[in-house]
C-alpha atoms as a PDB file:
ATOM      1  CA  MET A   1       0.103   0.043  -0.165  1.00  0.00           C
ATOM      2  CA  LEU A   2       1.304   3.472  -1.082  1.00  0.00           C
ATOM      3  CA  SER A   3       1.983   5.887   1.594  1.00  0.00           C
ATOM      4  CA  PHE A   4       1.831   9.894   0.377  1.00  0.00           C
ATOM      5  CA  SER A   5       3.136  12.590   2.491  1.00  0.00           C
ATOM      6  CA  GLU A   6       0.633  15.713   3.684  1.00  0.00           C
ATOM      7  CA  LEU A   7       1.136  18.582   1.429  1.00  0.00           C
ATOM      8  CA  LYS A   8      -0.015  21.709   3.460  1.00  0.00           C
ATOM      9  CA  ARG A   9      -0.587  25.156   2.502  1.00  0.00           C
ATOM     10  CA  ILE A  10       0.870  27.352   4.801  1.00  0.00           C
ATOM     11  CA  SER A  11      -1.085  30.925   5.857  1.00  0.00           C
ATOM     12  CA  LEU A  12       1.139  34.033   4.865  1.00  0.00           C
ATOM     13  CA  ARG A  13       0.670  35.387   7.930  1.00  0.00           C
ATOM     14  CA  GLU A  14       2.603  32.474   9.827  1.00  0.00           C
ATOM     15  CA  ILE A  15       5.516  33.651   7.691  1.00  0.00           C
ATOM     16  CA  TRP A  16       5.288  37.364   7.485  1.00  0.00           C
ATOM     17  CA  LYS A  17       3.601  39.289  10.177  1.00  0.00           C
ATOM     18  CA  ASN A  18       3.322  42.559   8.646  1.00  0.00           C
ATOM     19  CA  GLU A  19       2.904  42.922   4.877  1.00  0.00           C
ATOM     20  CA  ALA A  20       4.839  46.381   4.294  1.00  0.00           C
ATOM     21  CA  SER A  21       7.767  45.725   6.651  1.00  0.00           C
ATOM     22  CA  ASP A  22       8.233  42.005   6.135  1.00  0.00           C
ATOM     23  CA  PHE A  23       6.822  40.904   2.545  1.00  0.00           C
ATOM     24  CA  THR A  24       7.215  44.080   0.697  1.00  0.00           C
ATOM     25  CA  THR A  25      11.370  44.077   2.101  1.00  0.00           C
ATOM     26  CA  TRP A  26      11.720  40.208   1.305  1.00  0.00           C
ATOM     27  CA  LEU A  27      10.279  40.859  -2.258  1.00  0.00           C
ATOM     28  CA  GLU A  28      12.413  43.651  -2.830  1.00  0.00           C
ATOM     29  CA  SER A  29      15.104  41.441  -1.928  1.00  0.00           C
ATOM     30  CA  ASN A  30      14.147  38.520  -3.713  1.00  0.00           C
ATOM     31  CA  ILE A  31      12.644  40.110  -6.675  1.00  0.00           C
ATOM     32  CA  GLN A  32      14.485  37.853  -9.150  1.00  0.00           C
ATOM     33  CA  THR A  33      12.036  34.770  -7.776  1.00  0.00           C
ATOM     34  CA  LEU A  34       8.806  36.812  -9.010  1.00  0.00           C
ATOM     35  CA  GLY A  35      10.980  37.740 -12.208  1.00  0.00           C
ATOM     36  CA  THR A  36      11.813  33.828 -13.048  1.00  0.00           C
ATOM     37  CA  ALA A  37       7.794  32.946 -12.601  1.00  0.00           C
ATOM     38  CA  LEU A  38       6.944  35.861 -14.960  1.00  0.00           C
ATOM     39  CA  ASP A  39       9.816  35.136 -17.302  1.00  0.00           C
ATOM     40  CA  MET A  40      11.187  38.985 -16.933  1.00  0.00           C
ATOM     41  CA  ASP A  41      14.218  40.161 -15.848  1.00  0.00           C
ATOM     42  CA  ILE A  42      12.996  43.082 -12.978  1.00  0.00           C
ATOM     43  CA  GLU A  43      14.965  45.618 -11.112  1.00  0.00           C
ATOM     44  CA  ILE A  44      13.450  47.239  -8.269  1.00  0.00           C
ATOM     45  CA  THR A  45      13.776  51.325  -8.659  1.00  0.00           C
ATOM     46  CA  SER A  46      11.948  52.289  -5.103  1.00  0.00           C
ATOM     47  CA  ARG A  47      10.046  51.056  -2.343  1.00  0.00           C
ATOM     48  CA  GLU A  48       6.649  53.090  -0.820  1.00  0.00           C
ATOM     49  CA  ALA A  49       7.015  55.398  -4.065  1.00  0.00           C
ATOM     50  CA  SER A  50       4.188  58.237  -3.601  1.00  0.00           C
ATOM     51  CA  VAL A  51       1.489  59.052  -6.059  1.00  0.00           C
ATOM     52  CA  GLY A  52      -0.286  61.614  -4.557  1.00  0.00           C
ATOM     53  CA  ASP A  53      -1.676  60.634  -0.606  1.00  0.00           C
ATOM     54  CA  PHE A  54      -1.222  57.403  -1.619  1.00  0.00           C
ATOM     55  CA  SER A  55       2.554  54.884  -1.686  1.00  0.00           C
ATOM     56  CA  LEU A  56       2.853  52.080  -4.101  1.00  0.00           C
ATOM     57  CA  ASP A  57       4.726  48.871  -2.345  1.00  0.00           C
ATOM     58  CA  LEU A  58       7.305  48.365  -5.216  1.00  0.00           C
ATOM     59  CA  LEU A  59       8.174  50.403  -8.446  1.00  0.00           C
ATOM     60  CA  ALA A  60      10.475  48.571 -10.904  1.00  0.00           C
ATOM     61  CA  GLN A  61      11.590  48.616 -14.159  1.00  0.00           C
ATOM     62  CA  ASP A  62      11.561  45.791 -16.990  1.00  0.00           C
ATOM     63  CA  LEU A  63      15.052  45.469 -18.054  1.00  0.00           C
ATOM     64  CA  GLY A  64      13.586  43.466 -21.401  1.00  0.00           C
ATOM     65  CA  SER A  65      11.977  46.678 -22.414  1.00  0.00           C
ATOM     66  CA  SER A  66      13.166  49.264 -20.312  1.00  0.00           C
ATOM     67  CA  ARG A  67       9.437  49.990 -19.148  1.00  0.00           C
ATOM     68  CA  MET A  68       8.108  50.935 -15.589  1.00  0.00           C
ATOM     69  CA  VAL A  69       6.704  48.127 -13.694  1.00  0.00           C
ATOM     70  CA  VAL A  70       4.278  48.752 -10.546  1.00  0.00           C
ATOM     71  CA  ILE A  71       3.847  46.064  -7.938  1.00  0.00           C
ATOM     72  CA  GLU A  72       1.327  45.860  -5.080  1.00  0.00           C
ATOM     73  CA  ASN A  73       0.758  42.921  -2.860  1.00  0.00           C
ATOM     74  CA  GLN A  74      -1.384  41.476  -0.289  1.00  0.00           C
ATOM     75  CA  LEU A  75      -1.111  38.968   2.303  1.00  0.00           C
ATOM     76  CA  THR A  76      -4.958  38.829   1.809  1.00  0.00           C
ATOM     77  CA  ARG A  77      -7.397  37.934  -0.439  1.00  0.00           C
ATOM     78  CA  THR A  78      -7.565  40.971  -3.246  1.00  0.00           C
ATOM     79  CA  ASP A  79     -10.197  43.799  -2.954  1.00  0.00           C
ATOM     80  CA  HIS A  80     -11.509  46.519  -4.583  1.00  0.00           C
ATOM     81  CA  ASP A  81      -9.505  49.202  -2.721  1.00  0.00           C
ATOM     82  CA  HIS A  82      -6.097  47.787  -3.884  1.00  0.00           C
ATOM     83  CA  LEU A  83      -7.694  47.304  -7.540  1.00  0.00           C
ATOM     84  CA  GLY A  84      -8.511  50.943  -7.647  1.00  0.00           C
ATOM     85  CA  LYS A  85      -5.180  51.595  -6.323  1.00  0.00           C
ATOM     86  CA  LEU A  86      -3.208  49.750  -9.085  1.00  0.00           C
ATOM     87  CA  LEU A  87      -4.659  51.689 -11.618  1.00  0.00           C
ATOM     88  CA  THR A  88      -3.802  55.283  -9.885  1.00  0.00           C
ATOM     89  CA  TYR A  89       0.223  53.534  -9.493  1.00  0.00           C
ATOM     90  CA  ALA A  90       0.065  52.656 -13.181  1.00  0.00           C
ATOM     91  CA  ALA A  91      -1.545  55.933 -14.186  1.00  0.00           C
ATOM     92  CA  GLY A  92       0.508  57.803 -11.936  1.00  0.00           C
ATOM     93  CA  PHE A  93       3.973  56.083 -12.917  1.00  0.00           C
ATOM     94  CA  ASN A  94       3.004  55.982 -16.777  1.00  0.00           C
ATOM     95  CA  ALA A  95       3.534  51.959 -15.841  1.00  0.00           C
ATOM     96  CA  SER A  96       3.594  49.572 -19.039  1.00  0.00           C
ATOM     97  CA  THR A  97       3.490  46.327 -16.636  1.00  0.00           C
ATOM     98  CA  VAL A  98       1.179  46.230 -13.387  1.00  0.00           C
ATOM     99  CA  ILE A  99       1.680  42.754 -11.275  1.00  0.00           C
ATOM    100  CA  TRP A 100      -0.580  42.062  -8.439  1.00  0.00           C
ATOM    101  CA  ILE A 101       0.219  39.808  -5.659  1.00  0.00           C
ATOM    102  CA  ALA A 102      -2.177  37.948  -3.159  1.00  0.00           C
ATOM    103  CA  GLU A 103      -2.939  34.981  -1.162  1.00  0.00           C
ATOM    104  CA  GLU A 104      -5.895  34.727  -3.199  1.00  0.00           C
ATOM    105  CA  ILE A 105      -7.150  36.528  -6.231  1.00  0.00           C
ATOM    106  CA  ARG A 106     -11.327  36.642  -6.024  1.00  0.00           C
ATOM    107  CA  SER A 107     -12.863  35.313  -9.366  1.00  0.00           C
ATOM    108  CA  GLU A 108     -14.380  38.992 -10.374  1.00  0.00           C
ATOM    109  CA  HIS A 109     -10.773  40.803  -9.848  1.00  0.00           C
ATOM    110  CA  ARG A 110      -9.773  37.835 -12.359  1.00  0.00           C
ATOM    111  CA  GLN A 111     -12.195  38.452 -15.069  1.00  0.00           C
ATOM    112  CA  ALA A 112     -11.181  42.287 -14.451  1.00  0.00           C
ATOM    113  CA  MET A 113      -7.531  41.878 -15.307  1.00  0.00           C
ATOM    114  CA  GLU A 114      -8.076  39.423 -17.907  1.00  0.00           C
ATOM    115  CA  TRP A 115     -10.556  42.535 -19.007  1.00  0.00           C
ATOM    116  CA  LEU A 116      -7.929  44.954 -18.720  1.00  0.00           C
ATOM    117  CA  ASN A 117      -5.589  42.676 -20.739  1.00  0.00           C
ATOM    118  CA  GLN A 118      -7.850  42.306 -23.792  1.00  0.00           C
ATOM    119  CA  ARG A 119      -8.576  46.066 -23.745  1.00  0.00           C
ATOM    120  CA  THR A 120      -5.580  47.500 -23.379  1.00  0.00           C
ATOM    121  CA  ASP A 121      -2.836  48.321 -26.226  1.00  0.00           C
ATOM    122  CA  ASN A 122       0.344  46.262 -26.999  1.00  0.00           C
ATOM    123  CA  GLU A 123       2.640  47.300 -24.864  1.00  0.00           C
ATOM    124  CA  THR A 124       0.376  47.488 -21.825  1.00  0.00           C
ATOM    125  CA  GLN A 125       0.103  44.076 -19.427  1.00  0.00           C
ATOM    126  CA  PHE A 126      -1.507  43.010 -16.173  1.00  0.00           C
ATOM    127  CA  PHE A 127      -0.459  39.915 -14.344  1.00  0.00           C
ATOM    128  CA  ALA A 128      -2.493  38.589 -11.493  1.00  0.00           C
ATOM    129  CA  VAL A 129      -0.017  36.295  -9.164  1.00  0.00           C
ATOM    130  CA  VAL A 130      -1.109  33.803  -6.180  1.00  0.00           C
ATOM    131  CA  VAL A 131       1.942  33.758  -3.620  1.00  0.00           C
ATOM    132  CA  GLU A 132       1.677  30.172  -1.951  1.00  0.00           C
ATOM    133  CA  VAL A 133       3.642  28.526   1.014  1.00  0.00           C
ATOM    134  CA  LEU A 134       3.861  24.713   0.629  1.00  0.00           C
ATOM    135  CA  GLN A 135       5.142  22.132   2.813  1.00  0.00           C
ATOM    136  CA  ILE A 136       5.193  18.581   2.756  1.00  0.00           C
ATOM    137  CA  ASP A 137       4.852  16.907   6.663  1.00  0.00           C
ATOM    138  CA  ASP A 138       7.355  18.706   8.569  1.00  0.00           C
ATOM    139  CA  SER A 139       9.933  19.705   5.914  1.00  0.00           C
ATOM    140  CA  LYS A 140      11.280  23.447   5.144  1.00  0.00           C
ATOM    141  CA  PRO A 141       8.518  25.526   3.900  1.00  0.00           C
ATOM    142  CA  ALA A 142       9.070  26.451   0.067  1.00  0.00           C
ATOM    143  CA  LEU A 143       7.305  29.265  -1.968  1.00  0.00           C
ATOM    144  CA  ASN A 144       5.523  29.063  -5.157  1.00  0.00           C
ATOM    145  CA  PHE A 145       4.745  31.940  -7.452  1.00  0.00           C
ATOM    146  CA  LYS A 146       1.753  30.749  -9.350  1.00  0.00           C
ATOM    147  CA  LEU A 147       0.425  33.059 -11.946  1.00  0.00           C
ATOM    148  CA  VAL A 148      -3.342  33.125 -12.450  1.00  0.00           C
ATOM    149  CA  VAL A 149      -3.834  35.809 -14.964  1.00  0.00           C
ATOM    150  CA  SER A 150      -1.146  37.117 -17.751  1.00  0.00           C
ATOM    151  CA  PRO A 151      -1.772  39.121 -20.956  1.00  0.00           C
ATOM    152  CA  ASN A 152      -2.243  36.844 -24.341  1.00  0.00           C
ATOM    153  CA  GLU A 153       1.430  37.220 -25.778  1.00  0.00           C
ATOM    154  CA  TRP A 154       0.449  35.890 -29.232  1.00  0.00           C
ATOM    155  CA  GLN A 155      -2.540  38.379 -29.300  1.00  0.00           C
ATOM    156  CA  LYS A 156      -0.365  41.404 -28.335  1.00  0.00           C
ATOM    157  CA  SER A 157       2.323  40.301 -30.751  1.00  0.00           C
ATOM    158  CA  GLN A 158       0.534  40.337 -33.810  1.00  0.00           C
ATOM    159  CA  THR A 159      -1.053  43.648 -32.499  1.00  0.00           C
ATOM    160  CA  GLN A 160       2.136  44.998 -32.308  1.00  0.00           C
ATOM    161  CA  LYS A 161       3.136  44.185 -35.822  1.00  0.00           C
ATOM    162  CA  ILE A 162       0.359  45.743 -37.222  1.00  0.00           C
ATOM    163  CA  SER A 163       0.955  48.925 -35.154  1.00  0.00           C
ATOM    164  CA  ARG A 164       4.351  49.488 -34.822  1.00  0.00           C
ATOM    165  CA  SER A 165       5.850  50.050 -38.290  1.00  0.00           C
ATOM    166  CA  LEU A 166       9.798  49.508 -38.105  1.00  0.00           C
ATOM    167  CA  SER A 167      13.141  50.787 -40.188  1.00  0.00           C
ATOM    168  CA  PHE A 168      15.006  47.988 -41.614  1.00  0.00           C
ATOM    169  CA  LYS A 169      17.534  48.661 -39.062  1.00  0.00           C
ATOM    170  CA  GLN A 170      15.204  48.288 -36.010  1.00  0.00           C
ATOM    171  CA  GLU A 171      14.309  44.993 -37.706  1.00  0.00           C
ATOM    172  CA  LYS A 172      17.707  43.762 -37.671  1.00  0.00           C
ATOM    173  CA  TYR A 173      18.630  45.304 -34.041  1.00  0.00           C
ATOM    174  CA  ARG A 174      15.358  43.186 -33.013  1.00  0.00           C
ATOM    175  CA  ASP A 175      15.978  40.062 -35.021  1.00  0.00           C
ATOM    176  CA  TYR A 176      19.810  40.175 -33.332  1.00  0.00           C
ATOM    177  CA  PHE A 177      18.901  40.505 -29.926  1.00  0.00           C
ATOM    178  CA  GLN A 178      16.133  38.517 -30.096  1.00  0.00           C
ATOM    179  CA  THR A 179      18.319  35.484 -30.912  1.00  0.00           C
ATOM    180  CA  LEU A 180      20.602  36.651 -28.133  1.00  0.00           C
ATOM    181  CA  ILE A 181      18.696  36.329 -25.490  1.00  0.00           C
ATOM    182  CA  ASP A 182      16.651  33.203 -26.280  1.00  0.00           C
ATOM    183  CA  GLU A 183      20.181  31.387 -26.114  1.00  0.00           C
ATOM    184  CA  LEU A 184      21.235  33.412 -22.925  1.00  0.00           C
ATOM    185  CA  ARG A 185      17.642  32.495 -21.309  1.00  0.00           C
ATOM    186  CA  GLU A 186      17.444  28.740 -22.584  1.00  0.00           C
ATOM    187  CA  LYS A 187      21.166  27.700 -22.527  1.00  0.00           C
ATOM    188  CA  TYR A 188      22.708  29.592 -19.641  1.00  0.00           C
ATOM    189  CA  LYS A 189      19.700  30.471 -17.638  1.00  0.00           C
ATOM    190  CA  PHE A 190      20.991  34.305 -17.731  1.00  0.00           C
ATOM    191  CA  THR A 191      18.191  36.085 -18.136  1.00  0.00           C
ATOM    192  CA  GLY A 192      14.553  35.600 -18.124  1.00  0.00           C
ATOM    193  CA  ILE A 193      13.779  38.036 -21.255  1.00  0.00           C
ATOM    194  CA  ARG A 194      11.138  36.785 -23.617  1.00  0.00           C
ATOM    195  CA  VAL A 195      11.166  39.424 -26.443  1.00  0.00           C
ATOM    196  CA  ALA A 196      13.439  41.518 -27.707  1.00  0.00           C
ATOM    197  CA  GLN A 197      13.114  45.669 -28.442  1.00  0.00           C
ATOM    198  CA  PRO A 198      14.109  47.267 -31.714  1.00  0.00           C
ATOM    199  CA  PHE A 199      16.924  49.006 -30.095  1.00  0.00           C
ATOM    200  CA  ASN A 200      20.694  49.069 -30.240  1.00  0.00           C
ATOM    201  CA  TRP A 201      21.039  47.796 -26.952  1.00  0.00           C
ATOM    202  CA  GLN A 202      19.723  45.185 -24.690  1.00  0.00           C
ATOM    203  CA  SER A 203      20.335  45.437 -21.014  1.00  0.00           C
ATOM    204  CA  PHE A 204      20.387  42.393 -18.450  1.00  0.00           C
ATOM    205  CA  SER A 205      19.842  42.164 -14.369  1.00  0.00           C
ATOM    206  CA  SER A 206      23.173  41.125 -12.392  1.00  0.00           C
ATOM    207  CA  GLY A 207      21.307  41.164  -9.423  1.00  0.00           C
ATOM    208  CA  ILE A 208      22.642  43.647  -7.732  1.00  0.00           C
ATOM    209  CA  PRO A 209      20.001  46.591  -7.563  1.00  0.00           C
ATOM    210  CA  GLY A 210      21.573  49.656  -9.519  1.00  0.00           C
ATOM    211  CA  VAL A 211      24.008  47.466 -11.430  1.00  0.00           C
ATOM    212  CA  ARG A 212      23.085  45.652 -15.151  1.00  0.00           C
ATOM    213  CA  TYR A 213      25.055  44.233 -17.999  1.00  0.00           C
ATOM    214  CA  ARG A 214      24.301  45.228 -21.403  1.00  0.00           C
ATOM    215  CA  ALA A 215      25.407  44.233 -24.756  1.00  0.00           C
ATOM    216  CA  THR A 216      25.415  47.062 -27.245  1.00  0.00           C
ATOM    217  CA  PHE A 217      26.091  48.385 -30.922  1.00  0.00           C
ATOM    218  CA  ALA A 218      28.075  51.816 -30.374  1.00  0.00           C
ATOM    219  CA  GLN A 219      28.711  54.524 -32.894  1.00  0.00           C
ATOM    220  CA  GLY A 220      32.029  54.172 -35.066  1.00  0.00           C
ATOM    221  CA  SER A 221      31.435  50.369 -35.999  1.00  0.00           C
ATOM    222  CA  ARG A 222      32.038  49.641 -32.473  1.00  0.00           C
ATOM    223  CA  VAL A 223      30.350  46.567 -30.145  1.00  0.00           C
ATOM    224  CA  HIS A 224      30.000  46.722 -26.562  1.00  0.00           C
ATOM    225  CA  ALA A 225      29.895  44.368 -23.652  1.00  0.00           C
ATOM    226  CA  LEU A 226      29.716  46.441 -20.333  1.00  0.00           C
ATOM    227  CA  VAL A 227      28.693  46.635 -16.813  1.00  0.00           C
ATOM    228  CA  LYS A 228      26.747  49.867 -15.926  1.00  0.00           C
ATOM    229  CA  ILE A 229      26.496  51.144 -12.703  1.00  0.00           C
ATOM    230  CA  ASP A 230      23.521  53.659 -11.957  1.00  0.00           C
ATOM    231  CA  GLN A 231      23.342  56.379  -9.740  1.00  0.00           C
ATOM    232  CA  LYS A 232      19.742  56.335  -9.544  1.00  0.00           C
ATOM    233  CA  HIS A 233      20.032  53.312  -7.291  1.00  0.00           C
ATOM    234  CA  LEU A 234      23.349  53.644  -5.745  1.00  0.00           C
ATOM    235  CA  GLU A 235      24.308  57.162  -4.214  1.00  0.00           C
ATOM    236  CA  ASN A 236      27.916  55.797  -3.674  1.00  0.00           C
ATOM    237  CA  ARG A 237      27.976  54.870  -7.939  1.00  0.00           C
ATOM    238  CA  LEU A 238      31.598  56.820  -8.500  1.00  0.00           C
ATOM    239  CA  ASP A 239      32.993  55.015  -4.712  1.00  0.00           C
ATOM    240  CA  ILE A 240      32.002  51.432  -6.374  1.00  0.00           C
ATOM    241  CA  PHE A 241      33.615  52.678  -9.652  1.00  0.00           C
ATOM    242  CA  ASP A 242      37.194  53.857  -8.079  1.00  0.00           C
ATOM    243  CA  THR A 243      36.983  50.923  -5.769  1.00  0.00           C
ATOM    244  CA  LEU A 244      36.870  48.505  -8.758  1.00  0.00           C
ATOM    245  CA  LYS A 245      39.264  50.751 -10.641  1.00  0.00           C
ATOM    246  CA  LYS A 246      41.832  50.102  -8.068  1.00  0.00           C
ATOM    247  CA  ARG A 247      41.745  46.178  -9.117  1.00  0.00           C
ATOM    248  CA  GLU A 248      42.113  46.459 -12.225  1.00  0.00           C
ATOM    249  CA  ILE A 249      44.973  44.671 -13.118  1.00  0.00           C
ATOM    250  CA  GLU A 250      43.023  41.578 -10.989  1.00  0.00           C
ATOM    251  CA  ILE A 251      39.942  42.028 -12.813  1.00  0.00           C
ATOM    252  CA  THR A 252      41.769  42.570 -16.132  1.00  0.00           C
ATOM    253  CA  ASP A 253      43.580  39.259 -15.659  1.00  0.00           C
ATOM    254  CA  SER A 254      40.386  37.253 -14.417  1.00  0.00           C
ATOM    255  CA  LEU A 255      38.474  38.530 -17.272  1.00  0.00           C
ATOM    256  CA  GLY A 256      40.862  38.042 -20.239  1.00  0.00           C
ATOM    257  CA  SER A 257      40.381  41.036 -22.008  1.00  0.00           C
ATOM    258  CA  PRO A 258      41.161  44.642 -22.007  1.00  0.00           C
ATOM    259  CA  LEU A 259      38.751  47.095 -20.461  1.00  0.00           C
ATOM    260  CA  GLU A 260      37.691  50.978 -20.737  1.00  0.00           C
ATOM    261  CA  TRP A 261      36.904  52.656 -17.652  1.00  0.00           C
ATOM    262  CA  GLU A 262      34.319  55.495 -18.498  1.00  0.00           C
ATOM    263  CA  ARG A 263      34.127  57.363 -15.000  1.00  0.00           C
ATOM    264  CA  ARG A 264      31.205  59.956 -15.614  1.00  0.00           C
ATOM    265  CA  ASN A 265      31.270  62.431 -12.940  1.00  0.00           C
ATOM    266  CA  ASP A 266      28.299  64.842 -14.276  1.00  0.00           C
ATOM    267  CA  LYS A 267      26.347  61.871 -15.620  1.00  0.00           C
ATOM    268  CA  ARG A 268      23.874  59.408 -13.511  1.00  0.00           C
ATOM    269  CA  GLU A 269      25.915  56.352 -14.841  1.00  0.00           C
ATOM    270  CA  SER A 270      29.200  55.321 -15.097  1.00  0.00           C
ATOM    271  CA  PHE A 271      30.418  52.435 -17.129  1.00  0.00           C
ATOM    272  CA  ILE A 272      32.643  49.489 -17.462  1.00  0.00           C
ATOM    273  CA  ILE A 273      33.642  48.406 -20.891  1.00  0.00           C
ATOM    274  CA  VAL A 274      34.564  45.789 -23.465  1.00  0.00           C
ATOM    275  CA  SER A 275      34.830  46.319 -27.137  1.00  0.00           C
ATOM    276  CA  ARG A 276      35.553  45.337 -30.502  1.00  0.00           C
ATOM    277  CA  GLY A 277      34.709  46.158 -33.909  1.00  0.00           C
ATOM    278  CA  GLY A 278      31.168  45.429 -35.699  1.00  0.00           C
ATOM    279  CA  SER A 279      28.490  46.849 -36.803  1.00  0.00           C
ATOM    280  CA  ILE A 280      24.834  45.611 -37.047  1.00  0.00           C
ATOM    281  CA  ASP A 281      24.938  46.270 -41.032  1.00  0.00           C
ATOM    282  CA  SER A 282      27.900  43.587 -40.786  1.00  0.00           C
ATOM    283  CA  ALA A 283      27.211  40.545 -42.892  1.00  0.00           C
ATOM    284  CA  ASP A 284      25.294  38.042 -41.457  1.00  0.00           C
ATOM    285  CA  SER A 285      28.622  35.365 -40.903  1.00  0.00           C
ATOM    286  CA  GLU A 286      30.139  38.099 -38.840  1.00  0.00           C
ATOM    287  CA  LEU A 287      26.709  39.494 -36.938  1.00  0.00           C
ATOM    288  CA  GLU A 288      26.914  35.559 -35.708  1.00  0.00           C
ATOM    289  CA  GLU A 289      30.368  35.871 -34.716  1.00  0.00           C
ATOM    290  CA  ILE A 290      29.571  39.276 -32.842  1.00  0.00           C
ATOM    291  CA  ARG A 291      26.384  37.183 -30.957  1.00  0.00           C
ATOM    292  CA  GLU A 292      28.895  34.696 -30.240  1.00  0.00           C
ATOM    293  CA  TRP A 293      31.374  37.039 -29.088  1.00  0.00           C
ATOM    294  CA  HIS A 294      28.494  39.136 -26.771  1.00  0.00           C
ATOM    295  CA  ILE A 295      27.443  35.924 -25.318  1.00  0.00           C
ATOM    296  CA  GLU A 296      30.661  34.892 -24.087  1.00  0.00           C
ATOM    297  CA  THR A 297      31.705  38.193 -22.865  1.00  0.00           C
ATOM    298  CA  LEU A 298      28.334  38.975 -21.082  1.00  0.00           C
ATOM    299  CA  LEU A 299      28.536  35.346 -19.041  1.00  0.00           C
ATOM    300  CA  LYS A 300      32.099  36.161 -18.175  1.00  0.00           C
ATOM    301  CA  LEU A 301      31.605  39.993 -17.075  1.00  0.00           C
ATOM    302  CA  LYS A 302      28.704  38.382 -14.714  1.00  0.00           C
ATOM    303  CA  GLU A 303      30.980  35.732 -13.423  1.00  0.00           C
ATOM    304  CA  VAL A 304      34.024  38.435 -12.476  1.00  0.00           C
ATOM    305  CA  PHE A 305      31.861  40.990 -11.512  1.00  0.00           C
ATOM    306  CA  THR A 306      29.460  40.242  -9.701  1.00  0.00           C
ATOM    307  CA  PRO A 307      31.100  39.058  -6.986  1.00  0.00           C
ATOM    308  CA  GLU A 308      33.787  41.948  -6.923  1.00  0.00           C
ATOM    309  CA  ILE A 309      31.066  44.588  -6.833  1.00  0.00           C
ATOM    310  CA  GLU A 310      29.421  42.189  -3.844  1.00  0.00           C
ATOM    311  CA  LYS A 311      32.490  42.391  -1.380  1.00  0.00           C
ATOM    312  CA  VAL A 312      33.124  46.502  -2.406  1.00  0.00           C
ATOM    313  CA  LEU A 313      29.248  46.793  -1.264  1.00  0.00           C
ATOM    314  CA  GLU A 314      30.239  45.093   1.876  1.00  0.00           C
ATOM    315  CA  THR A 315      33.318  47.401   2.347  1.00  0.00           C
ATOM    316  CA  LEU A 316      31.666  50.512   1.954  1.00  0.00           C
ATOM    317  CA  GLU A 317      28.727  49.455   3.709  1.00  0.00           C
END
């Protein structure tokens, strides 16, 4: 006779006593867990962001599209109050992605979110997510984000093809980066991004707020793979940059490629760049070579710089 263990669902209040101070703080630190569930690279920009008299739980950015994301969570069933707030936050921040997280999504709210996905344009998407904590017998609890409502990607993409007229070069950028992100996601688990945009660059999350990796076609027939350190998230951006620069020899040896250190005193971002020749107008065979170089270099940048930056942040703190 087979004997099965008991699968239990634990109340969220047993894990997080307070929604704002406990769960929202935890989610901010573990945003990649949510991003994985939604197949997105999400980076938090602020917590308790204000819209008039209201405060959004988490304001973020989708690195796949550079568009704003609003995230509102509840440790209870969804209610009308939070639905109204979500729409207010979406309008206030001109967000393209709206994520509502709760212990239970009521059927009428699920219907409302599905209706919004059907009625809004191709750049707007609504997600409803159930967060559940599961336990088998007396095992360690496991967290699961269960997607309840999401946009119909196929319908949205078809609408986008009809509504957006792209230039020949924009199409080439999108095709190039689509193949790039597909390989990085499927083969290397480097990103959760699924849809490329028609830009000359593509950003990727590092797992450290304010630090991103980026693949770029630059001016002067140059191609870059780089580390971007953003002051919007890191007030000590230049201290981080300068501390890394002091280890230039060791970092360069580990990376195996020469680096360009672009310290921007008067700008929001600073960059650490690996560069080579190339253009989006190159022949297909050369573009394939550039893509392989981008993938190899991005993987190496993350391998080398993520632990280096984590050490610097610990030192500065």
